Amino acid sequence: MNDYKDDFICKIEPPPPEWVTFEIKTTMKDKFGANTTPKSGEPSESQKDYIGNISKHTGLVNISFVQGHNDYNLSRAQRKMLV
């Protein structure tokens, strides 16, 4: 150690990104075949009844707007389109 009161400023650079391979891709191809894509999960109730979901949120927008909260951050013109 020395008696100098020097402050050293340095720039620390992050290490380069590492590539990661997931073996699950190989397993999926082995199970489902080379040219197939596995099916995703079932749609939620909101996704099945999208008209009902839009109606529900339209009602919530109106309630929020009337109460002065405006949780959806809509302008008066945007809200008017929903009514």
Protein backbone atom coordinates (compact mmCIF):
# COMPACT_ATOMS: atom_id res chain seq x y z
CA MET A 1 0.00 0.00 0.00
CA ASN A 2 1.08 3.53 -0.60
CA ASP A 3 0.34 6.75 1.21
CA TYR A 4 -1.23 8.43 -1.80
CA LYS A 5 -4.90 9.27 -1.53
CA ASP A 6 -5.72 8.56 -5.17
CA ASP A 7 -9.18 7.59 -6.29
CA PHE A 8 -9.17 5.28 -9.25
CA ILE A 9 -12.08 5.37 -11.65
CA CYS A 10 -12.49 2.34 -13.82
CA LYS A 11 -15.07 1.05 -16.21
CA ILE A 12 -16.19 -2.51 -15.68
CA GLU A 13 -17.57 -4.20 -18.75
CA PRO A 14 -19.86 -7.18 -18.41
CA PRO A 15 -18.60 -10.47 -19.79
CA PRO A 16 -19.80 -11.50 -23.25
CA PRO A 17 -23.13 -13.36 -23.28
CA GLU A 18 -23.02 -17.10 -23.08
CA TRP A 19 -25.02 -19.22 -25.47
CA VAL A 20 -27.33 -21.71 -23.86
CA THR A 21 -28.78 -24.72 -25.60
CA PHE A 22 -31.84 -26.43 -24.28
CA GLU A 23 -31.92 -30.15 -24.72
CA ILE A 24 -35.70 -30.08 -24.48
CA LYS A 25 -35.85 -29.20 -28.19
CA THR A 26 -34.16 -32.47 -29.05
CA THR A 27 -36.44 -34.35 -26.69
CA MET A 28 -39.52 -32.73 -28.20
CA LYS A 29 -38.43 -33.58 -31.73
CA ASP A 30 -37.79 -37.16 -30.66
CA LYS A 31 -41.25 -37.39 -29.12
CA PHE A 32 -43.34 -35.44 -31.66
CA GLY A 33 -41.34 -35.95 -34.86
CA ALA A 34 -38.96 -33.72 -36.80
CA ASN A 35 -41.60 -31.63 -38.62
CA THR A 36 -44.28 -31.21 -35.96
CA THR A 37 -45.04 -28.54 -33.41
CA PRO A 38 -46.50 -29.54 -30.06
CA LYS A 39 -49.92 -28.10 -29.25
CA SER A 40 -50.14 -25.39 -26.61
CA GLY A 41 -52.41 -25.48 -23.58
CA GLU A 42 -56.14 -24.92 -23.65
CA PRO A 43 -57.40 -21.33 -24.00
CA SER A 44 -58.62 -19.62 -20.84
CA GLU A 45 -62.28 -18.75 -20.27
CA SER A 46 -61.53 -15.12 -21.22
CA GLN A 47 -60.00 -16.27 -24.50
CA LYS A 48 -62.95 -18.54 -25.27
CA ASP A 49 -65.56 -15.86 -24.52
CA TYR A 50 -63.76 -12.82 -25.94
CA ILE A 51 -67.00 -10.87 -26.49
CA GLY A 52 -67.91 -11.36 -22.83
CA ASN A 53 -64.39 -10.30 -21.82
CA ILE A 54 -64.65 -7.09 -23.87
CA SER A 55 -68.10 -6.38 -22.39
CA LYS A 56 -66.77 -6.93 -18.87
CA HIS A 57 -63.88 -4.52 -19.38
CA THR A 58 -66.16 -1.96 -21.05
CA GLY A 59 -68.29 -2.00 -17.91
CA LEU A 60 -65.21 -1.67 -15.71
CA VAL A 61 -64.02 1.29 -17.80
CA ASN A 62 -67.35 3.08 -17.34
CA ILE A 63 -67.46 2.43 -13.59
CA SER A 64 -63.84 3.57 -13.19
CA PHE A 65 -64.45 6.69 -15.29
CA VAL A 66 -67.62 7.67 -13.40
CA GLN A 67 -65.88 7.20 -10.04
CA GLY A 68 -63.08 9.50 -11.20
CA HIS A 69 -60.31 6.88 -11.12
CA ASN A 70 -59.86 6.34 -14.88
CA ASP A 71 -57.85 3.14 -14.26
CA TYR A 72 -57.59 2.53 -18.00
CA ASN A 73 -56.21 6.04 -18.71
CA LEU A 74 -58.76 6.76 -21.42
CA SER A 75 -59.60 10.17 -22.80
CA ARG A 76 -63.22 11.28 -23.01
CA ALA A 77 -63.20 10.58 -26.76
CA GLN A 78 -61.90 7.03 -26.23
CA ARG A 79 -64.50 6.38 -23.53
CA LYS A 80 -67.24 7.77 -25.78
CA MET A 81 -66.37 5.16 -28.42
CA LEU A 82 -67.02 2.40 -25.87
CA VAL A 83 -70.43 3.68 -24.80
